[in-house]
Amino acid sequence: MTRTGRVRAWTRHAYGNPVALGYLGLVAAAGLFAAGDALLAGHPDASLSAVWVLALTMPASLPFLAAGSPWLLAPGLAVAALVQAAVLGAVYRRLTRRGRRPVNGS
């Protein structure tokens, strides 16, 4: 298998399930809402919509938040969402694979 084939297979296994895709969709919707709110709001602190994106990506986004640089925060949130989606996808695959195993071993 070529390197490209391995990357495609890993990507399919990590993100090609309903749990990971649903999570990424939720993060994308929250990000689009926060971006639209930031563009259309009358003043910078009009709402806390960006907090939802941060809350959805919280465990993996803490290192990027601790860095303190606003230039690292947006790409860091995207990386954190991808990392968490891959973890959720791995857990989903593990749980669904375990359910397909025959009980008596035959």
N, C-alpha and C. Protein backbone atom coordinates (compact mmCIF):
# COMPACT_ATOMS: atom_id res chain seq x y z
N MET A 1 0.84 -1.17 0.00
CA MET A 1 0.00 0.00 0.00
C MET A 1 0.89 1.24 0.00
N THR A 2 0.55 2.20 -0.83
CA THR A 2 1.35 3.41 -0.91
C THR A 2 1.06 4.32 0.28
N ARG A 3 1.87 5.33 0.42
CA ARG A 3 1.69 6.25 1.54
C ARG A 3 0.35 6.98 1.42
N THR A 4 0.00 7.36 0.21
CA THR A 4 -1.29 8.03 0.01
C THR A 4 -2.44 7.11 0.37
N GLY A 5 -2.33 5.85 0.02
CA GLY A 5 -3.37 4.89 0.36
C GLY A 5 -3.51 4.70 1.86
N ARG A 6 -2.40 4.69 2.56
CA ARG A 6 -2.46 4.56 4.02
C ARG A 6 -3.09 5.78 4.67
N VAL A 7 -2.75 6.96 4.15
CA VAL A 7 -3.34 8.18 4.70
C VAL A 7 -4.84 8.20 4.44
N ARG A 8 -5.25 7.80 3.25
CA ARG A 8 -6.69 7.75 2.94
C ARG A 8 -7.41 6.73 3.82
N ALA A 9 -6.80 5.59 4.04
CA ALA A 9 -7.42 4.57 4.88
C ALA A 9 -7.54 5.06 6.31
N TRP A 10 -6.50 5.69 6.84
CA TRP A 10 -6.56 6.21 8.19
C TRP A 10 -7.61 7.30 8.31
N THR A 11 -7.67 8.19 7.32
CA THR A 11 -8.66 9.26 7.34
C THR A 11 -10.07 8.70 7.28
N ARG A 12 -10.29 7.69 6.47
CA ARG A 12 -11.60 7.07 6.36
C ARG A 12 -12.00 6.41 7.68
N HIS A 13 -11.06 5.74 8.32
CA HIS A 13 -11.36 5.09 9.59
C HIS A 13 -11.56 6.11 10.71
N ALA A 14 -10.81 7.20 10.68
CA ALA A 14 -10.90 8.19 11.76
C ALA A 14 -12.14 9.06 11.64
N TYR A 15 -12.47 9.48 10.42
CA TYR A 15 -13.53 10.46 10.25
C TYR A 15 -14.73 9.94 9.48
N GLY A 16 -14.71 8.73 9.00
CA GLY A 16 -15.78 8.21 8.17
C GLY A 16 -16.83 7.45 8.96
N ASN A 17 -17.27 7.98 10.06
CA ASN A 17 -18.33 7.36 10.84
C ASN A 17 -19.27 8.44 11.34
N PRO A 18 -20.49 8.07 11.72
CA PRO A 18 -21.47 9.09 12.07
C PRO A 18 -21.12 9.93 13.29
N VAL A 19 -20.42 9.37 14.25
CA VAL A 19 -20.08 10.12 15.46
C VAL A 19 -19.07 11.22 15.16
N ALA A 20 -18.00 10.89 14.46
CA ALA A 20 -16.98 11.89 14.13
C ALA A 20 -17.54 12.95 13.19
N LEU A 21 -18.31 12.53 12.19
CA LEU A 21 -18.88 13.50 11.26
C LEU A 21 -19.90 14.40 11.95
N GLY A 22 -20.69 13.85 12.86
CA GLY A 22 -21.64 14.66 13.61
C GLY A 22 -20.94 15.68 14.49
N TYR A 23 -19.87 15.25 15.15
CA TYR A 23 -19.10 16.16 15.99
C TYR A 23 -18.48 17.28 15.16
N LEU A 24 -17.88 16.93 14.03
CA LEU A 24 -17.28 17.95 13.17
C LEU A 24 -18.34 18.90 12.63
N GLY A 25 -19.52 18.39 12.32
CA GLY A 25 -20.61 19.24 11.87
C GLY A 25 -21.07 20.21 12.95
N LEU A 26 -21.13 19.73 14.18
CA LEU A 26 -21.52 20.57 15.30
C LEU A 26 -20.50 21.68 15.54
N VAL A 27 -19.23 21.33 15.48
CA VAL A 27 -18.17 22.33 15.67
C VAL A 27 -18.19 23.34 14.51
N ALA A 28 -18.39 22.85 13.29
CA ALA A 28 -18.45 23.75 12.13
C ALA A 28 -19.64 24.70 12.24
N ALA A 29 -20.79 24.19 12.66
CA ALA A 29 -21.97 25.05 12.82
C ALA A 29 -21.73 26.12 13.89
N ALA A 30 -21.12 25.72 15.00
CA ALA A 30 -20.83 26.69 16.05
C ALA A 30 -19.81 27.72 15.58
N GLY A 31 -18.82 27.28 14.81
CA GLY A 31 -17.82 28.20 14.27
C GLY A 31 -18.41 29.18 13.27
N LEU A 32 -19.29 28.69 12.40
CA LEU A 32 -19.95 29.58 11.44
C LEU A 32 -20.86 30.58 12.15
N PHE A 33 -21.57 30.13 13.17
CA PHE A 33 -22.41 31.04 13.93
C PHE A 33 -21.55 32.11 14.62
N ALA A 34 -20.44 31.70 15.22
CA ALA A 34 -19.57 32.65 15.91
C ALA A 34 -18.96 33.65 14.92
N ALA A 35 -18.56 33.16 13.74
CA ALA A 35 -17.99 34.07 12.74
C ALA A 35 -19.05 35.05 12.23
N GLY A 36 -20.24 34.56 11.96
CA GLY A 36 -21.31 35.44 11.52
C GLY A 36 -21.70 36.44 12.58
N ASP A 37 -21.72 36.01 13.82
CA ASP A 37 -22.05 36.90 14.92
C ASP A 37 -20.98 37.98 15.08
N ALA A 38 -19.73 37.60 14.92
CA ALA A 38 -18.64 38.58 15.04
C ALA A 38 -18.69 39.61 13.91
N LEU A 39 -19.10 39.17 12.72
CA LEU A 39 -19.18 40.10 11.60
C LEU A 39 -20.40 41.01 11.67
N LEU A 40 -21.50 40.51 12.20
CA LEU A 40 -22.75 41.27 12.19
C LEU A 40 -23.06 41.99 13.49
N ALA A 41 -22.33 41.72 14.54
CA ALA A 41 -22.62 42.33 15.84
C ALA A 41 -22.21 43.80 15.83
N GLY A 42 -22.92 44.58 16.62
CA GLY A 42 -22.64 46.01 16.69
C GLY A 42 -21.37 46.33 17.47
N HIS A 43 -21.05 45.55 18.46
CA HIS A 43 -19.84 45.78 19.24
C HIS A 43 -19.16 44.45 19.51
N PRO A 44 -17.87 44.44 19.82
CA PRO A 44 -17.11 43.19 19.90
C PRO A 44 -17.61 42.19 20.94
N ASP A 45 -18.16 42.66 22.02
CA ASP A 45 -18.61 41.76 23.07
C ASP A 45 -20.13 41.59 23.06
N ALA A 46 -20.71 41.55 21.88
CA ALA A 46 -22.16 41.47 21.77
C ALA A 46 -22.70 40.15 22.31
N SER A 47 -21.97 39.08 22.13
CA SER A 47 -22.41 37.79 22.66
C SER A 47 -21.19 36.94 22.96
N LEU A 48 -21.46 35.79 23.52
CA LEU A 48 -20.39 34.85 23.84
C LEU A 48 -20.44 33.64 22.92
N SER A 49 -20.76 33.86 21.65
CA SER A 49 -20.93 32.74 20.73
C SER A 49 -19.62 31.99 20.49
N ALA A 50 -18.50 32.67 20.56
CA ALA A 50 -17.22 31.98 20.34
C ALA A 50 -16.88 31.04 21.49
N VAL A 51 -17.49 31.25 22.63
CA VAL A 51 -17.24 30.38 23.77
C VAL A 51 -17.76 28.97 23.49
N TRP A 52 -18.82 28.87 22.70
CA TRP A 52 -19.35 27.54 22.37
C TRP A 52 -18.35 26.73 21.55
N VAL A 53 -17.66 27.38 20.63
CA VAL A 53 -16.64 26.67 19.86
C VAL A 53 -15.53 26.21 20.78
N LEU A 54 -15.14 27.07 21.68
CA LEU A 54 -14.09 26.71 22.64
C LEU A 54 -14.56 25.59 23.56
N ALA A 55 -15.81 25.63 23.99
CA ALA A 55 -16.32 24.59 24.87
C ALA A 55 -16.43 23.24 24.15
N LEU A 56 -16.80 23.26 22.88
CA LEU A 56 -16.91 22.01 22.13
C LEU A 56 -15.56 21.35 21.88
N THR A 57 -14.51 22.14 21.83
CA THR A 57 -13.18 21.60 21.56
C THR A 57 -12.29 21.64 22.80
N MET A 58 -12.88 21.79 23.97
CA MET A 58 -12.13 22.12 25.18
C MET A 58 -10.97 21.18 25.56
N PRO A 59 -11.10 19.92 25.69
CA PRO A 59 -9.92 19.19 26.18
C PRO A 59 -8.70 19.33 25.29
N ALA A 60 -8.89 19.27 24.00
CA ALA A 60 -7.73 19.34 23.10
C ALA A 60 -7.32 20.77 22.77
N SER A 61 -8.17 21.74 23.06
CA SER A 61 -7.83 23.12 22.72
C SER A 61 -7.11 23.86 23.84
N LEU A 62 -6.97 23.24 24.99
CA LEU A 62 -6.32 23.91 26.11
C LEU A 62 -4.87 24.33 25.83
N PRO A 63 -4.04 23.52 25.17
CA PRO A 63 -2.67 24.00 24.89
C PRO A 63 -2.65 25.23 23.99
N PHE A 64 -3.57 25.31 23.05
CA PHE A 64 -3.61 26.47 22.16
C PHE A 64 -4.14 27.70 22.89
N LEU A 65 -5.06 27.48 23.81
CA LEU A 65 -5.58 28.58 24.61
C LEU A 65 -4.52 29.09 25.57
N ALA A 66 -3.73 28.19 26.12
CA ALA A 66 -2.67 28.57 27.06
C ALA A 66 -1.52 29.29 26.36
N ALA A 67 -1.38 29.10 25.05
CA ALA A 67 -0.29 29.77 24.33
C ALA A 67 -0.47 31.28 24.37
N GLY A 68 -1.71 31.73 24.44
CA GLY A 68 -1.95 33.16 24.59
C GLY A 68 -1.91 33.97 23.32
N SER A 69 -1.60 33.37 22.20
CA SER A 69 -1.53 34.10 20.95
C SER A 69 -2.85 33.97 20.19
N PRO A 70 -3.46 35.08 19.80
CA PRO A 70 -4.70 34.97 19.03
C PRO A 70 -4.47 34.37 17.65
N TRP A 71 -3.25 34.40 17.15
CA TRP A 71 -2.95 33.81 15.85
C TRP A 71 -2.93 32.29 15.92
N LEU A 72 -2.70 31.74 17.10
CA LEU A 72 -2.71 30.29 17.26
C LEU A 72 -4.07 29.73 17.64
N LEU A 73 -4.97 30.59 18.10
CA LEU A 73 -6.23 30.09 18.63
C LEU A 73 -7.14 29.51 17.55
N ALA A 74 -7.35 30.21 16.45
CA ALA A 74 -8.25 29.70 15.40
C ALA A 74 -7.72 28.42 14.77
N PRO A 75 -6.45 28.36 14.33
CA PRO A 75 -5.96 27.08 13.82
C PRO A 75 -5.91 26.00 14.90
N GLY A 76 -5.65 26.41 16.14
CA GLY A 76 -5.62 25.45 17.23
C GLY A 76 -6.98 24.83 17.49
N LEU A 77 -8.04 25.63 17.36
CA LEU A 77 -9.39 25.09 17.52
C LEU A 77 -9.71 24.08 16.42
N ALA A 78 -9.26 24.37 15.21
CA ALA A 78 -9.49 23.43 14.10
C ALA A 78 -8.73 22.12 14.34
N VAL A 79 -7.48 22.22 14.77
CA VAL A 79 -6.69 21.02 15.06
C VAL A 79 -7.31 20.25 16.22
N ALA A 80 -7.76 20.97 17.24
CA ALA A 80 -8.38 20.31 18.40
C ALA A 80 -9.65 19.57 17.99
N ALA A 81 -10.44 20.17 17.11
CA ALA A 81 -11.66 19.51 16.64
C ALA A 81 -11.32 18.24 15.85
N LEU A 82 -10.29 18.30 15.02
CA LEU A 82 -9.90 17.11 14.26
C LEU A 82 -9.36 16.01 15.17
N VAL A 83 -8.59 16.39 16.17
CA VAL A 83 -8.05 15.39 17.12
C VAL A 83 -9.19 14.73 17.88
N GLN A 84 -10.12 15.53 18.38
CA GLN A 84 -11.23 14.95 19.14
C GLN A 84 -12.15 14.12 18.26
N ALA A 85 -12.35 14.53 17.00
CA ALA A 85 -13.17 13.72 16.09
C ALA A 85 -12.50 12.38 15.82
N ALA A 86 -11.18 12.38 15.69
CA ALA A 86 -10.47 11.11 15.48
C ALA A 86 -10.60 10.20 16.70
N VAL A 87 -10.52 10.77 17.89
CA VAL A 87 -10.67 9.98 19.11
C VAL A 87 -12.09 9.44 19.22
N LEU A 88 -13.08 10.29 18.95
CA LEU A 88 -14.47 9.83 18.98
C LEU A 88 -14.71 8.75 17.94
N GLY A 89 -14.11 8.90 16.76
CA GLY A 89 -14.24 7.88 15.72
C GLY A 89 -13.60 6.56 16.13
N ALA A 90 -12.45 6.62 16.80
CA ALA A 90 -11.79 5.40 17.26
C ALA A 90 -12.63 4.70 18.33
N VAL A 91 -13.19 5.47 19.23
CA VAL A 91 -14.04 4.88 20.27
C VAL A 91 -15.29 4.26 19.63
N TYR A 92 -15.89 4.95 18.69
CA TYR A 92 -17.07 4.42 18.00
C TYR A 92 -16.74 3.12 17.28
N ARG A 93 -15.63 3.09 16.56
CA ARG A 93 -15.24 1.87 15.85
C ARG A 93 -14.98 0.73 16.83
N ARG A 94 -14.34 1.04 17.94
CA ARG A 94 -14.05 0.01 18.93
C ARG A 94 -15.33 -0.56 19.53
N LEU A 95 -16.28 0.31 19.85
CA LEU A 95 -17.53 -0.15 20.45
C LEU A 95 -18.39 -0.92 19.46
N THR A 96 -18.43 -0.49 18.22
CA THR A 96 -19.25 -1.20 17.24
C THR A 96 -18.60 -2.49 16.79
N ARG A 97 -17.28 -2.54 16.75
CA ARG A 97 -16.59 -3.78 16.39
C ARG A 97 -16.77 -4.82 17.47
N ARG A 98 -16.74 -4.41 18.71
CA ARG A 98 -16.90 -5.33 19.82
C ARG A 98 -18.30 -5.95 19.81
N GLY A 99 -19.31 -5.20 19.38
CA GLY A 99 -20.66 -5.67 19.34
C GLY A 99 -20.91 -6.73 18.26
N ARG A 100 -20.05 -6.81 17.25
CA ARG A 100 -20.22 -7.76 16.17
C ARG A 100 -19.55 -9.10 16.43
N ARG A 101 -18.80 -9.20 17.49
CA ARG A 101 -18.08 -10.42 17.80
C ARG A 101 -19.07 -11.52 18.22
N PRO A 102 -18.95 -12.73 17.69
CA PRO A 102 -19.88 -13.79 18.10
C PRO A 102 -19.69 -14.18 19.57
N VAL A 103 -20.76 -14.56 20.19
CA VAL A 103 -20.74 -14.87 21.62
C VAL A 103 -20.04 -16.19 21.90
N ASN A 104 -20.34 -17.20 21.12
CA ASN A 104 -19.77 -18.53 21.41
C ASN A 104 -18.43 -18.79 20.71
N GLY A 105 -17.91 -17.82 19.99
CA GLY A 105 -16.61 -17.97 19.36
C GLY A 105 -16.61 -18.69 18.04
N SER A 106 -17.76 -19.05 17.51
CA SER A 106 -17.79 -19.75 16.24
C SER A 106 -18.13 -18.83 15.10
